[in-house]
Amino acid sequence: MAAPIKPALKRAFGNDSWTFVPAIASAAAPTEAEVQAATGFNFSCSVFADQEGISGATEKVKLPRLLCETEVYEFNGETSYSAADLQVSFDPQGAALSDGKLGWEALGDYEAGFLVQRQGVAGTTDFAAGDFVNVFPATLGKKVPSKTSTGTDGAYSFTVGVSITSQPTFNVAIVV
């Protein structure tokens, strides 16, 4: 038997990136041009750090036991995906196309597209060919202006719901 492997731990702190893009031809091979599209929005430095992201859960099913059976086993059922609402930094008085207003302008109400998540690379860097990403087909909800809290630590933001609309693709490389 081979000895166990022990990979080095990769820190997640500050190393997540997210962008929303309107079109990707193949979720299994997103291109750098698609992920960097001017019509998209890289919100890695606009979404708040407590963003929960996307989760998936596979249902466990027990079939009915027959009278002669004394044991019951579990089977995997359907898998569902869920996305937390995005809470994005927002300057309600910002000028059009300013950093504080760009997220509001770029993420259209009820817009369909793709959320692209990159893990393990500093969130302040651009997406690039060779990066491994997760691609989530998604539809946005309606944007609603809000704030992070009513206390002295509050900042203006907007929230927008996100629905995962079909099969995600995990850990695929961005191609040229």
Protein backbone atom coordinates (compact mmCIF):
# COMPACT_ATOMS: atom_id res chain seq x y z
CA MET A 1 0.00 0.00 0.00
CA ALA A 2 1.27 3.47 -0.84
CA ALA A 3 1.95 5.99 1.91
CA PRO A 4 -0.76 8.63 2.38
CA ILE A 5 -0.28 11.99 0.74
CA LYS A 6 -0.39 15.19 2.75
CA PRO A 7 -1.06 18.24 0.58
CA ALA A 8 -0.12 21.64 1.95
CA LEU A 9 -3.09 23.64 3.21
CA LYS A 10 -4.03 26.47 0.84
CA ARG A 11 -5.27 29.56 2.69
CA ALA A 12 -8.67 30.81 1.62
CA PHE A 13 -8.41 34.21 3.35
CA GLY A 14 -8.43 36.92 0.64
CA ASN A 15 -8.07 34.32 -2.10
CA ASP A 16 -11.57 34.15 -3.62
CA SER A 17 -12.69 35.92 -6.78
CA TRP A 18 -16.13 36.24 -8.33
CA THR A 19 -17.35 37.68 -11.60
CA PHE A 20 -20.72 37.73 -13.36
CA VAL A 21 -20.63 37.40 -17.14
CA PRO A 22 -23.60 37.39 -19.52
CA ALA A 23 -22.39 34.64 -21.87
CA ILE A 24 -20.11 31.60 -21.87
CA ALA A 25 -20.23 29.29 -24.89
CA SER A 26 -18.96 26.21 -23.00
CA ALA A 27 -19.01 26.05 -19.20
CA ALA A 28 -16.45 23.22 -19.48
CA ALA A 29 -13.98 25.55 -21.23
CA PRO A 30 -14.69 29.23 -20.49
CA THR A 31 -12.43 31.55 -22.44
CA GLU A 32 -10.38 34.38 -20.99
CA ALA A 33 -12.26 36.81 -23.26
CA GLU A 34 -15.63 35.60 -21.93
CA VAL A 35 -14.59 35.81 -18.28
CA GLN A 36 -12.99 39.25 -18.77
CA ALA A 37 -15.87 40.60 -20.93
CA ALA A 38 -16.51 44.33 -20.57
CA THR A 39 -20.22 43.52 -20.22
CA GLY A 40 -19.47 41.46 -17.11
CA PHE A 41 -18.71 42.60 -13.58
CA ASN A 42 -15.83 41.37 -11.41
CA PHE A 43 -17.27 41.90 -7.95
CA SER A 44 -14.40 40.33 -5.97
CA CYS A 45 -13.63 43.66 -4.26
CA SER A 46 -17.25 44.86 -4.12
CA VAL A 47 -19.06 41.99 -2.38
CA PHE A 48 -18.77 41.86 1.41
CA ALA A 49 -16.48 39.30 3.05
CA ASP A 50 -19.27 37.42 4.83
CA GLN A 51 -20.68 36.34 1.45
CA GLU A 52 -21.71 32.72 1.84
CA GLY A 53 -21.39 31.80 -1.81
CA ILE A 54 -22.97 28.72 -3.33
CA SER A 55 -23.81 25.44 -1.67
CA GLY A 56 -24.94 22.08 -2.89
CA ALA A 57 -26.70 19.25 -1.13
CA THR A 58 -27.46 15.72 -2.24
CA GLU A 59 -30.62 14.19 -0.83
CA LYS A 60 -30.30 10.79 0.87
CA VAL A 61 -33.21 8.48 0.16
CA LYS A 62 -34.39 5.31 1.88
CA LEU A 63 -36.55 3.03 -0.21
CA PRO A 64 -39.50 1.34 1.51
CA ARG A 65 -38.54 -1.85 3.32
CA LEU A 66 -40.19 -5.05 2.19
CA LEU A 67 -41.76 -7.25 4.85
CA CYS A 68 -39.06 -9.92 4.53
CA GLU A 69 -36.17 -7.45 4.76
CA THR A 70 -34.43 -6.59 8.02
CA GLU A 71 -32.05 -3.90 6.79
CA VAL A 72 -32.53 -0.60 4.98
CA TYR A 73 -29.90 1.30 3.02
CA GLU A 74 -29.54 4.85 1.81
CA PHE A 75 -29.26 5.92 -1.80
CA ASN A 76 -28.30 9.26 -3.28
CA GLY A 77 -31.24 11.24 -4.60
CA GLU A 78 -31.35 14.60 -6.31
CA THR A 79 -28.70 17.27 -5.85
CA SER A 80 -29.81 20.87 -5.45
CA TYR A 81 -27.71 24.04 -5.61
CA SER A 82 -28.41 27.26 -3.79
CA ALA A 83 -26.78 30.67 -3.91
CA ALA A 84 -26.75 33.24 -1.14
CA ASP A 85 -27.99 36.70 -2.08
CA LEU A 86 -25.15 39.01 -3.10
CA GLN A 87 -24.59 42.05 -0.88
CA VAL A 88 -22.54 44.49 -2.92
CA SER A 89 -20.92 47.80 -1.88
CA PHE A 90 -22.84 50.76 -3.30
CA ASP A 91 -22.52 54.55 -3.35
CA PRO A 92 -26.09 55.82 -3.85
CA GLN A 93 -24.75 59.30 -4.73
CA GLY A 94 -21.87 58.07 -6.91
CA ALA A 95 -21.46 59.31 -10.45
CA ALA A 96 -22.42 57.03 -13.33
CA LEU A 97 -19.69 54.45 -14.07
CA SER A 98 -17.82 55.33 -10.85
CA ASP A 99 -16.45 52.49 -8.73
CA GLY A 100 -19.24 53.00 -6.18
CA LYS A 101 -21.99 52.77 -8.80
CA LEU A 102 -20.55 50.27 -11.29
CA GLY A 103 -21.97 47.15 -9.61
CA TRP A 104 -25.44 48.66 -9.53
CA GLU A 105 -25.19 49.49 -13.23
CA ALA A 106 -23.52 46.25 -14.37
CA LEU A 107 -25.79 43.71 -12.64
CA GLY A 108 -29.13 43.98 -14.41
CA ASP A 109 -32.41 43.10 -12.75
CA TYR A 110 -33.45 39.53 -13.70
CA GLU A 111 -30.37 39.14 -15.94
CA ALA A 112 -29.31 35.62 -16.92
CA GLY A 113 -25.65 34.73 -17.18
CA PHE A 114 -22.88 32.93 -15.32
CA LEU A 115 -21.24 33.37 -11.95
CA VAL A 116 -17.58 32.41 -12.20
CA GLN A 117 -15.69 31.63 -8.99
CA ARG A 118 -11.92 31.37 -8.73
CA GLN A 119 -10.39 30.03 -5.54
CA GLY A 120 -6.80 30.04 -4.33
CA VAL A 121 -5.59 33.21 -6.08
CA ALA A 122 -5.58 36.69 -4.55
CA GLY A 123 -8.98 38.30 -5.11
CA THR A 124 -7.33 41.52 -6.26
CA THR A 125 -5.89 39.94 -9.43
CA ASP A 126 -7.52 39.54 -12.84
CA PHE A 127 -8.85 36.20 -14.04
CA ALA A 128 -6.44 34.68 -16.57
CA ALA A 129 -6.03 31.73 -18.91
CA GLY A 130 -4.89 28.69 -16.93
CA ASP A 131 -6.82 29.66 -13.76
CA PHE A 132 -9.17 26.93 -12.55
CA VAL A 133 -12.72 28.15 -11.93
CA ASN A 134 -16.21 26.99 -11.03
CA VAL A 135 -18.95 28.09 -13.45
CA PHE A 136 -22.55 28.50 -12.26
CA PRO A 137 -25.35 29.24 -14.75
CA ALA A 138 -27.47 31.79 -12.88
CA THR A 139 -30.25 34.33 -13.02
CA LEU A 140 -30.17 37.47 -10.90
CA GLY A 141 -33.17 38.85 -9.04
CA LYS A 142 -34.11 42.49 -8.55
CA LYS A 143 -31.53 44.78 -6.95
CA VAL A 144 -32.62 46.43 -3.70
CA PRO A 145 -30.65 49.28 -2.06
CA SER A 146 -29.77 48.52 1.56
CA LYS A 147 -26.98 48.87 4.10
CA THR A 148 -24.86 46.44 6.06
CA SER A 149 -26.14 47.65 9.43
CA THR A 150 -27.84 50.60 11.10
CA GLY A 151 -24.91 51.14 13.48
CA THR A 152 -21.78 53.20 13.12
CA ASP A 153 -20.19 50.30 11.24
CA GLY A 154 -22.89 50.38 8.52
CA ALA A 155 -22.02 50.85 4.85
CA TYR A 156 -24.39 51.36 1.91
CA SER A 157 -24.91 48.31 -0.24
CA PHE A 158 -27.45 46.63 -2.44
CA THR A 159 -28.66 43.06 -2.35
CA VAL A 160 -29.60 40.94 -5.32
CA GLY A 161 -30.91 37.40 -5.24
CA VAL A 162 -29.20 34.71 -7.29
CA SER A 163 -30.72 31.45 -8.56
CA ILE A 164 -28.59 28.62 -9.94
CA THR A 165 -30.45 27.60 -13.09
CA SER A 166 -28.64 24.50 -14.35
CA GLN A 167 -25.72 22.13 -13.75
CA PRO A 168 -22.58 23.89 -12.43
CA THR A 169 -19.16 22.98 -13.79
CA PHE A 170 -16.39 22.61 -11.25
CA ASN A 171 -12.63 23.12 -11.40
CA VAL A 172 -12.24 23.80 -15.14
CA ALA A 173 -9.42 25.80 -16.66
CA ILE A 174 -9.95 29.14 -18.37
CA VAL A 175 -8.68 28.77 -21.94
CA VAL A 176 -7.24 31.35 -24.33
